[in-house]
Every structure is written in C-alpha cells, then in structure tokens.
Amino acid sequence: MQLSRTDKTIKFSTAKLEKELEMKNILTSVYNSLKEKGYDPINQIVGYILSEDPTYITNYNNARALIRKIDRDELMRVLVTSYLQ
C-alpha cells in the first residue's frame, strides 16, 4: 500500500522560530542600548561574541544581563545561516 502525502503526519515545531525571535529581540535591545550610550554597537557586539567578555556590553537598560541569555554558539549558527541565505 502506497501512502499519499495526506496520510503522513507532519511535525511542526515553533520552538526554533521562537528561540530565534527571542535572540533577535535581545540583540536589537542590546544594539539600541549601546547606541544610546554612544558606543559603536556592531563593534561592541562582535567583541562580546568573540571573547564572551560581558564588559563589551553596557549595563544600561540591563543590556549586559540580556545578552548573556543568548547561547553564543547558537547565535553564531543563526548569524552564519542568515548571512548565507
């Protein structure tokens, strides 16, 4: 018996999308906080990603605590994937 496409159950998970959206929201918030304090946000975020040194990120608006919620390896995976698409 051959199954048609409608006979199979398709799994759909929003967990990955939700995680990526949360990362984007955190990065946007951190970016805005750095910019408001007069820093170059891109350089500061890259410095943090490369070194994991939280002092690259301001404490303003709780940005330092926020960025530490992001797994750096996962962030790099998402950034590279996004860049190459």
N, C-alpha and C. Protein backbone atom coordinates (compact mmCIF):
# COMPACT_ATOMS: atom_id res chain seq x y z
N MET A 1 0.84 -1.18 0.00
CA MET A 1 0.00 0.00 0.00
C MET A 1 0.88 1.24 0.00
N GLN A 2 0.63 2.11 -0.91
CA GLN A 2 1.40 3.35 -1.01
C GLN A 2 0.65 4.47 -0.30
N LEU A 3 1.39 5.22 0.52
CA LEU A 3 0.77 6.32 1.26
C LEU A 3 0.80 7.59 0.43
N SER A 4 -0.28 8.29 0.48
CA SER A 4 -0.29 9.60 -0.17
C SER A 4 0.26 10.63 0.81
N ARG A 5 0.54 11.79 0.36
CA ARG A 5 1.08 12.85 1.22
C ARG A 5 0.16 13.15 2.39
N THR A 6 -1.11 13.01 2.20
CA THR A 6 -2.06 13.36 3.26
C THR A 6 -2.17 12.27 4.32
N ASP A 7 -1.56 11.09 4.06
CA ASP A 7 -1.61 10.01 5.04
C ASP A 7 -0.51 10.12 6.09
N LYS A 8 0.45 10.99 5.88
CA LYS A 8 1.57 11.13 6.80
C LYS A 8 1.33 12.30 7.75
N THR A 9 1.78 12.13 8.95
CA THR A 9 1.69 13.21 9.92
C THR A 9 2.96 14.04 9.84
N ILE A 10 2.80 15.32 9.72
CA ILE A 10 3.93 16.22 9.63
C ILE A 10 4.12 16.89 10.98
N LYS A 11 5.35 16.83 11.48
CA LYS A 11 5.66 17.51 12.73
C LYS A 11 6.02 18.95 12.44
N PHE A 12 5.49 19.83 13.24
CA PHE A 12 5.80 21.24 13.10
C PHE A 12 6.10 21.78 14.48
N SER A 13 7.24 22.42 14.61
CA SER A 13 7.63 22.98 15.90
C SER A 13 7.95 24.45 15.74
N THR A 14 7.40 25.24 16.61
CA THR A 14 7.69 26.67 16.58
C THR A 14 8.79 27.03 17.56
N ALA A 15 9.30 26.06 18.30
CA ALA A 15 10.32 26.33 19.32
C ALA A 15 11.56 26.98 18.70
N LYS A 16 12.03 26.48 17.57
CA LYS A 16 13.21 27.04 16.92
C LYS A 16 12.95 28.48 16.49
N LEU A 17 11.80 28.71 15.88
CA LEU A 17 11.46 30.06 15.45
C LEU A 17 11.33 31.01 16.63
N GLU A 18 10.72 30.54 17.70
CA GLU A 18 10.57 31.37 18.89
C GLU A 18 11.92 31.71 19.49
N LYS A 19 12.84 30.76 19.52
CA LYS A 19 14.18 30.98 20.06
C LYS A 19 14.93 32.01 19.23
N GLU A 20 14.82 31.90 17.91
CA GLU A 20 15.49 32.85 17.03
C GLU A 20 14.88 34.24 17.16
N LEU A 21 13.58 34.33 17.32
CA LEU A 21 12.92 35.62 17.52
C LEU A 21 13.37 36.25 18.83
N GLU A 22 13.49 35.43 19.88
CA GLU A 22 13.95 35.93 21.17
C GLU A 22 15.38 36.47 21.05
N MET A 23 16.25 35.74 20.32
CA MET A 23 17.62 36.21 20.11
C MET A 23 17.63 37.55 19.37
N LYS A 24 16.79 37.65 18.35
CA LYS A 24 16.72 38.89 17.58
C LYS A 24 16.25 40.05 18.45
N ASN A 25 15.25 39.81 19.27
CA ASN A 25 14.74 40.85 20.16
C ASN A 25 15.81 41.29 21.16
N ILE A 26 16.54 40.33 21.71
CA ILE A 26 17.60 40.66 22.66
C ILE A 26 18.70 41.45 21.97
N LEU A 27 19.15 40.99 20.81
CA LEU A 27 20.21 41.70 20.09
C LEU A 27 19.78 43.11 19.72
N THR A 28 18.54 43.27 19.32
CA THR A 28 18.03 44.59 18.96
C THR A 28 18.03 45.51 20.18
N SER A 29 17.60 44.98 21.30
CA SER A 29 17.59 45.77 22.54
C SER A 29 19.00 46.15 22.96
N VAL A 30 19.92 45.20 22.91
CA VAL A 30 21.32 45.47 23.26
C VAL A 30 21.91 46.49 22.30
N TYR A 31 21.66 46.32 21.02
CA TYR A 31 22.13 47.26 20.00
C TYR A 31 21.65 48.68 20.32
N ASN A 32 20.36 48.81 20.60
CA ASN A 32 19.80 50.13 20.89
C ASN A 32 20.39 50.74 22.15
N SER A 33 20.61 49.92 23.17
CA SER A 33 21.20 50.42 24.42
C SER A 33 22.63 50.91 24.18
N LEU A 34 23.41 50.14 23.42
CA LEU A 34 24.77 50.55 23.12
C LEU A 34 24.79 51.85 22.31
N LYS A 35 23.90 51.95 21.35
CA LYS A 35 23.83 53.15 20.52
C LYS A 35 23.45 54.37 21.35
N GLU A 36 22.46 54.21 22.24
CA GLU A 36 22.03 55.31 23.11
C GLU A 36 23.17 55.81 24.00
N LYS A 37 24.05 54.91 24.40
CA LYS A 37 25.17 55.29 25.27
C LYS A 37 26.38 55.81 24.47
N GLY A 38 26.27 55.84 23.14
CA GLY A 38 27.32 56.42 22.31
C GLY A 38 28.38 55.44 21.83
N TYR A 39 28.17 54.16 22.02
CA TYR A 39 29.11 53.15 21.54
C TYR A 39 28.81 52.77 20.09
N ASP A 40 29.78 52.15 19.44
CA ASP A 40 29.55 51.55 18.12
C ASP A 40 28.98 50.16 18.39
N PRO A 41 27.67 49.98 18.25
CA PRO A 41 27.03 48.73 18.66
C PRO A 41 27.56 47.48 17.97
N ILE A 42 27.86 47.58 16.69
CA ILE A 42 28.34 46.41 15.95
C ILE A 42 29.69 45.97 16.51
N ASN A 43 30.61 46.90 16.69
CA ASN A 43 31.93 46.55 17.22
C ASN A 43 31.83 45.96 18.62
N GLN A 44 30.97 46.52 19.44
CA GLN A 44 30.83 46.04 20.81
C GLN A 44 30.24 44.62 20.84
N ILE A 45 29.22 44.39 20.02
CA ILE A 45 28.59 43.07 19.99
C ILE A 45 29.55 42.03 19.43
N VAL A 46 30.28 42.38 18.38
CA VAL A 46 31.28 41.45 17.82
C VAL A 46 32.35 41.15 18.87
N GLY A 47 32.81 42.17 19.57
CA GLY A 47 33.79 41.95 20.64
C GLY A 47 33.27 40.98 21.69
N TYR A 48 32.01 41.14 22.06
CA TYR A 48 31.42 40.23 23.03
C TYR A 48 31.33 38.80 22.48
N ILE A 49 30.86 38.67 21.25
CA ILE A 49 30.70 37.33 20.66
C ILE A 49 32.05 36.62 20.58
N LEU A 50 33.08 37.33 20.17
CA LEU A 50 34.40 36.70 20.02
C LEU A 50 35.05 36.35 21.35
N SER A 51 34.85 37.18 22.35
CA SER A 51 35.57 37.00 23.61
C SER A 51 34.72 36.45 24.76
N GLU A 52 33.43 36.61 24.67
CA GLU A 52 32.48 36.31 25.73
C GLU A 52 32.74 37.18 26.98
N ASP A 53 33.40 38.29 26.77
CA ASP A 53 33.67 39.23 27.85
C ASP A 53 32.49 40.20 27.95
N PRO A 54 31.71 40.10 29.01
CA PRO A 54 30.49 40.91 29.12
C PRO A 54 30.75 42.41 29.25
N THR A 55 32.01 42.80 29.51
CA THR A 55 32.28 44.23 29.64
C THR A 55 32.21 44.96 28.30
N TYR A 56 32.12 44.24 27.21
CA TYR A 56 31.89 44.88 25.91
C TYR A 56 30.48 45.46 25.83
N ILE A 57 29.59 45.00 26.69
CA ILE A 57 28.19 45.39 26.66
C ILE A 57 27.87 46.26 27.87
N THR A 58 27.19 47.34 27.64
CA THR A 58 26.81 48.26 28.71
C THR A 58 25.78 47.62 29.65
N ASN A 59 25.78 48.09 30.89
CA ASN A 59 24.75 47.68 31.84
C ASN A 59 23.45 48.45 31.62
N TYR A 60 23.53 49.51 30.85
CA TYR A 60 22.38 50.38 30.59
C TYR A 60 21.21 49.55 30.05
N ASN A 61 20.04 49.78 30.60
CA ASN A 61 18.81 49.04 30.22
C ASN A 61 18.94 47.53 30.40
N ASN A 62 19.82 47.12 31.29
CA ASN A 62 20.01 45.69 31.59
C ASN A 62 20.55 44.91 30.38
N ALA A 63 21.23 45.61 29.47
CA ALA A 63 21.71 45.00 28.22
C ALA A 63 22.70 43.87 28.48
N ARG A 64 23.58 44.04 29.45
CA ARG A 64 24.59 43.01 29.73
C ARG A 64 23.94 41.71 30.19
N ALA A 65 22.96 41.83 31.06
CA ALA A 65 22.25 40.62 31.53
C ALA A 65 21.46 39.98 30.40
N LEU A 66 20.89 40.80 29.54
CA LEU A 66 20.11 40.28 28.42
C LEU A 66 20.97 39.47 27.46
N ILE A 67 22.10 40.02 27.07
CA ILE A 67 22.92 39.33 26.06
C ILE A 67 23.48 38.02 26.60
N ARG A 68 23.64 37.93 27.90
CA ARG A 68 24.16 36.68 28.48
C ARG A 68 23.12 35.57 28.45
N LYS A 69 21.87 35.89 28.12
CA LYS A 69 20.84 34.87 27.96
C LYS A 69 20.97 34.11 26.64
N ILE A 70 21.74 34.68 25.72
CA ILE A 70 21.91 34.08 24.40
C ILE A 70 23.10 33.14 24.41
N ASP A 71 22.90 31.93 23.90
CA ASP A 71 23.99 30.98 23.72
C ASP A 71 24.81 31.46 22.51
N ARG A 72 26.09 31.75 22.73
CA ARG A 72 26.91 32.31 21.66
C ARG A 72 27.05 31.38 20.46
N ASP A 73 27.18 30.08 20.70
CA ASP A 73 27.31 29.13 19.60
C ASP A 73 26.04 29.11 18.74
N GLU A 74 24.90 29.14 19.41
CA GLU A 74 23.63 29.16 18.69
C GLU A 74 23.48 30.47 17.91
N LEU A 75 23.89 31.57 18.53
CA LEU A 75 23.83 32.86 17.85
C LEU A 75 24.70 32.85 16.60
N MET A 76 25.91 32.30 16.70
CA MET A 76 26.79 32.24 15.54
C MET A 76 26.18 31.38 14.44
N ARG A 77 25.56 30.27 14.81
CA ARG A 77 24.91 29.41 13.83
C ARG A 77 23.82 30.17 13.09
N VAL A 78 22.99 30.89 13.84
CA VAL A 78 21.89 31.64 13.24
C VAL A 78 22.42 32.77 12.35
N LEU A 79 23.45 33.47 12.82
CA LEU A 79 24.02 34.58 12.04
C LEU A 79 24.63 34.08 10.73
N VAL A 80 25.40 33.00 10.80
CA VAL A 80 26.03 32.47 9.58
C VAL A 80 24.95 31.95 8.63
N THR A 81 23.99 31.24 9.14
CA THR A 81 22.90 30.73 8.29
C THR A 81 22.18 31.88 7.62
N SER A 82 21.87 32.91 8.38
CA SER A 82 21.16 34.06 7.83
C SER A 82 22.00 34.76 6.77
N TYR A 83 23.27 34.91 7.03
CA TYR A 83 24.16 35.59 6.09
C TYR A 83 24.26 34.84 4.77
N LEU A 84 24.28 33.52 4.84
CA LEU A 84 24.48 32.72 3.63
C LEU A 84 23.18 32.47 2.84
N GLN A 85 22.07 32.84 3.40
CA GLN A 85 20.81 32.61 2.67
C GLN A 85 20.50 33.72 1.72
